[in-house]
Structure formats: C-alpha cells, structure tokens
Amino acid sequence: MSFMESAVLLAWVALVLLALGLAGLLRQVTVLTRGQAGGAAPAGGSPRSTRDLVGFRLPAHGELASLVEPGAHRTVVAFVSPGCSSCAVTLSGLADVADVRAGSVALIAVSTGSCEPAQDNLAGAGRCIAQGRALLEQLHVPATPYLLALDASSTIVAATLPDQDLDLTAWVHRARGALNLTEEQ
C-alpha cells in the first residue's frame, strides 16, 4: 500500500468517526430538547424533571407511603446526603420556616445515609428517614438536595432542586396552598 492510499484510507476512517460522533451529539441534543419542551416521559431509570413529578400521586402502601406525614395539610420532603453542605443549608433553612415551626407544614428529610447530620440541621422541626436511597431511586430524584411538597392525599404539588438563591419560606408558603378555615383557627 502506497503512502497516498494509506492517507486516503485514514481520511475516510476519520470521516466515519466524525460522522458517528456528530450523530451521537445530535441524539443528545434531541433528547435534551424533548425534555425541556415537555416531551415523552422519562425512561425507567432516568431522572424526572419537576414537571414529571408534580401531579404524581404516591401509592398508599409501600416505602413511598412513609413520605407523607399523617394528618398534615402539607408535607415537605427534603432528599439529602450526609456531608452535603448545600443539603445542610437547605435543611436548616426549612427548619427555620415559620409554617414548619408552627406545625402547619410537616418536614421529612430522606437521607441517603445516616440521619445524624440531618437531625442536627432539622433542630427538632421534623423527622428523618435513614438509608433512603431506594426512595430517591423510585422517584428518580435527580440530585440532592431536592424538595417535594405533598398534599394530604399523597399527591406531589411542588418540586424543586434548590439553589442558594431560592427563598425557602416563599417556596414552602406557595407549596402549602390554601388552608381550610378550621386549620387557620
């Protein structure tokens, strides 16, 4: 094989590899675009967007049923990980919300590991479920910290991936919804 034939063959191999790479990139862009535009529901193991979770009703029995605080008008569930600094800030912020302190909104932390760090951040304002990775995976929660608000009928009414700019008090207040007159008294 001459030098020229080798160069042409190598150029064709490079073109094929570039075409395959471009096809993969276009596929990823298509998947991301569908996810942002509210396209098809996510596959079995992929994370759900907040749009996918809101309106989802948890089953009445099984592990997911433990996420609703019995008798609470609203329950805020915070998925956290031990050693996660933003999780600690989020839990501390939620524990300081007046609705949580007053008891009109129940607070549950679901830790992927031990509950000791979460309990310290909750400061008695809620309870913690340890070793909750299975719950996280069942809901396809994308990351920690992640917040869900559940109504009394176990339906997710709000979900968010909090950042440092999120006003937790306003989020809990919006997620709390209207209270009945008997609950306000």
Protein backbone atom coordinates (compact mmCIF):
# COMPACT_ATOMS: atom_id res chain seq x y z
CA MET A 1 0.00 0.00 0.00
CA SER A 2 1.43 3.35 -1.01
CA PHE A 3 1.58 6.44 1.14
CA MET A 4 -1.26 8.09 -0.81
CA GLU A 5 -3.56 5.07 -0.41
CA SER A 6 -2.83 4.97 3.33
CA ALA A 7 -3.59 8.68 3.68
CA VAL A 8 -6.92 8.35 1.83
CA LEU A 9 -7.91 5.30 3.91
CA LEU A 10 -7.01 7.13 7.13
CA ALA A 11 -9.02 10.18 6.00
CA TRP A 12 -12.08 8.00 5.36
CA VAL A 13 -11.78 6.38 8.79
CA ALA A 14 -11.55 9.85 10.38
CA LEU A 15 -14.66 10.98 8.45
CA VAL A 16 -16.64 7.94 9.60
CA LEU A 17 -15.63 8.54 13.23
CA LEU A 18 -16.57 12.22 12.98
CA ALA A 19 -19.95 11.29 11.48
CA LEU A 20 -20.64 8.85 14.32
CA GLY A 21 -19.64 11.45 16.89
CA LEU A 22 -21.91 14.05 15.28
CA ALA A 23 -24.82 11.57 15.21
CA GLY A 24 -24.36 10.90 18.94
CA LEU A 25 -24.20 14.61 19.70
CA LEU A 26 -27.37 15.29 17.70
CA ARG A 27 -29.13 12.48 19.55
CA GLN A 28 -28.21 14.02 22.90
CA VAL A 29 -29.42 17.45 21.79
CA THR A 30 -32.71 15.92 20.66
CA VAL A 31 -33.20 14.14 24.00
CA LEU A 32 -32.43 17.31 25.96
CA THR A 33 -34.70 19.41 23.77
CA ARG A 34 -37.61 16.99 24.23
CA GLY A 35 -37.04 17.03 27.99
CA GLN A 36 -37.22 20.83 28.13
CA ALA A 37 -40.24 21.01 25.84
CA GLY A 38 -42.20 18.53 27.96
CA GLY A 39 -41.86 15.64 25.53
CA ALA A 40 -42.17 11.98 26.35
CA ALA A 41 -41.98 10.79 29.93
CA PRO A 42 -38.54 9.73 31.10
CA ALA A 43 -37.38 6.16 30.74
CA GLY A 44 -37.33 3.83 33.74
CA GLY A 45 -34.00 4.86 35.25
CA SER A 46 -33.62 8.44 34.12
CA PRO A 47 -34.17 11.39 36.47
CA ARG A 48 -37.57 13.02 36.41
CA SER A 49 -37.98 16.73 35.90
CA THR A 50 -40.14 18.74 38.28
CA ARG A 51 -42.74 18.79 35.50
CA ASP A 52 -42.84 14.96 35.61
CA LEU A 53 -43.13 14.78 39.40
CA VAL A 54 -45.79 17.44 40.04
CA GLY A 55 -49.20 15.79 39.98
CA PHE A 56 -47.76 12.31 40.67
CA ARG A 57 -49.68 10.54 43.43
CA LEU A 58 -47.68 8.30 45.75
CA PRO A 59 -49.02 4.80 46.39
CA ALA A 60 -50.98 4.30 49.62
CA HIS A 61 -48.83 1.33 50.64
CA GLY A 62 -45.13 0.57 50.50
CA GLU A 63 -41.99 2.58 51.09
CA LEU A 64 -43.21 5.73 49.33
CA ALA A 65 -46.25 5.95 51.61
CA SER A 66 -43.88 6.79 54.51
CA LEU A 67 -43.14 10.15 52.88
CA VAL A 68 -46.49 11.63 53.89
CA GLU A 69 -46.95 12.80 57.46
CA PRO A 70 -50.37 11.53 58.62
CA GLY A 71 -52.76 14.35 59.43
CA ALA A 72 -50.58 17.07 57.89
CA HIS A 73 -52.08 19.57 55.44
CA ARG A 74 -48.76 19.60 53.56
CA THR A 75 -45.57 17.62 53.91
CA VAL A 76 -42.23 18.90 52.60
CA VAL A 77 -39.80 16.10 51.82
CA ALA A 78 -36.13 17.01 51.52
CA PHE A 79 -33.86 14.42 49.88
CA VAL A 80 -30.38 14.91 51.33
CA SER A 81 -26.98 13.25 51.55
CA PRO A 82 -24.67 13.17 54.58
CA GLY A 83 -21.72 15.50 54.10
CA CYS A 84 -23.55 17.64 51.53
CA SER A 85 -23.10 21.27 52.55
CA SER A 86 -25.96 22.58 50.41
CA CYS A 87 -28.20 19.88 51.92
CA ALA A 88 -27.33 21.13 55.40
CA VAL A 89 -28.09 24.74 54.44
CA THR A 90 -31.40 23.70 52.85
CA LEU A 91 -32.50 21.66 55.89
CA SER A 92 -31.54 24.44 58.30
CA GLY A 93 -33.44 26.94 56.17
CA LEU A 94 -36.52 24.71 56.07
CA ALA A 95 -36.38 24.16 59.84
CA ASP A 96 -36.47 27.96 60.30
CA VAL A 97 -39.61 28.46 58.16
CA ALA A 98 -42.50 29.67 60.34
CA ASP A 99 -45.03 27.25 58.77
CA VAL A 100 -42.75 24.32 59.62
CA ARG A 101 -42.11 25.57 63.15
CA ALA A 102 -45.86 26.14 63.69
CA GLY A 103 -46.64 22.61 62.51
CA SER A 104 -48.91 23.54 59.58
CA VAL A 105 -46.30 22.02 57.26
CA ALA A 106 -44.60 18.74 58.21
CA LEU A 107 -40.92 18.31 57.32
CA ILE A 108 -39.33 14.96 56.48
CA ALA A 109 -35.69 14.52 55.49
CA VAL A 110 -34.81 11.43 53.45
CA SER A 111 -31.10 10.78 53.85
CA THR A 112 -29.14 8.56 51.52
CA GLY A 113 -27.08 7.51 54.53
CA SER A 114 -27.15 8.20 58.24
CA CYS A 115 -29.68 10.62 59.75
CA GLU A 116 -27.29 12.14 62.29
CA PRO A 117 -26.26 15.18 60.18
CA ALA A 118 -29.85 15.72 59.03
CA GLN A 119 -31.24 15.57 62.57
CA ASP A 120 -28.73 18.22 63.65
CA ASN A 121 -29.88 20.52 60.83
CA LEU A 122 -33.58 19.82 61.44
CA ALA A 123 -33.23 21.03 65.04
CA GLY A 124 -36.33 19.12 66.12
CA ALA A 125 -38.54 20.57 63.36
CA GLY A 126 -39.05 17.29 61.52
CA ARG A 127 -38.15 13.65 61.22
CA CYS A 128 -35.58 11.80 59.14
CA ILE A 129 -35.70 8.55 57.18
CA ALA A 130 -32.26 6.91 57.08
CA GLN A 131 -30.86 4.87 54.21
CA GLY A 132 -33.46 6.31 51.83
CA ARG A 133 -31.60 5.77 48.56
CA ALA A 134 -34.35 3.35 47.42
CA LEU A 135 -36.95 6.11 47.83
CA LEU A 136 -34.74 8.51 45.90
CA GLU A 137 -34.37 5.97 43.09
CA GLN A 138 -38.08 5.08 42.99
CA LEU A 139 -38.95 8.71 42.33
CA HIS A 140 -35.91 9.16 40.03
CA VAL A 141 -34.85 12.23 42.00
CA PRO A 142 -32.04 13.86 40.01
CA ALA A 143 -29.79 15.12 42.83
CA THR A 144 -29.57 16.14 46.46
CA PRO A 145 -30.80 18.38 47.94
CA TYR A 146 -34.21 18.02 46.28
CA LEU A 147 -37.52 19.21 47.67
CA LEU A 148 -41.02 17.81 47.22
CA ALA A 149 -44.26 19.16 48.66
CA LEU A 150 -47.06 16.63 49.18
CA ASP A 151 -50.69 17.32 49.98
CA ALA A 152 -52.78 15.25 52.39
CA SER A 153 -53.80 12.88 49.56
CA SER A 154 -50.13 11.99 48.82
CA THR A 155 -50.01 13.99 45.58
CA ILE A 156 -46.85 15.91 44.75
CA VAL A 157 -47.90 19.56 44.44
CA ALA A 158 -44.44 21.13 44.07
CA ALA A 159 -40.88 20.00 43.41
CA THR A 160 -37.60 21.85 43.06
CA LEU A 161 -33.85 21.47 43.01
CA PRO A 162 -33.00 24.31 45.41
CA ASP A 163 -30.09 26.65 44.84
CA GLN A 164 -28.60 29.29 47.13
CA ASP A 165 -30.94 31.97 45.74
CA LEU A 166 -34.16 30.06 46.50
CA ASP A 167 -36.34 31.71 49.13
CA LEU A 168 -37.34 28.62 51.12
CA THR A 169 -40.01 30.48 53.10
CA ALA A 170 -41.72 31.67 49.92
CA TRP A 171 -41.43 28.20 48.33
CA VAL A 172 -42.97 26.49 51.37
CA HIS A 173 -45.69 29.15 51.52
CA ARG A 174 -46.57 28.63 47.82
CA ALA A 175 -46.40 24.85 48.21
CA ARG A 176 -48.52 25.00 51.36
CA GLY A 177 -51.57 26.11 49.43
CA ALA A 178 -54.76 27.38 50.98
CA LEU A 179 -55.66 26.17 54.42
CA ASN A 180 -59.21 25.36 55.43
CA LEU A 181 -60.85 27.81 57.85
CA THR A 182 -60.74 25.24 60.63
CA GLU A 183 -56.99 24.81 60.10
CA GLU A 184 -56.35 28.56 60.19
CA GLN A 185 -58.05 28.90 63.58
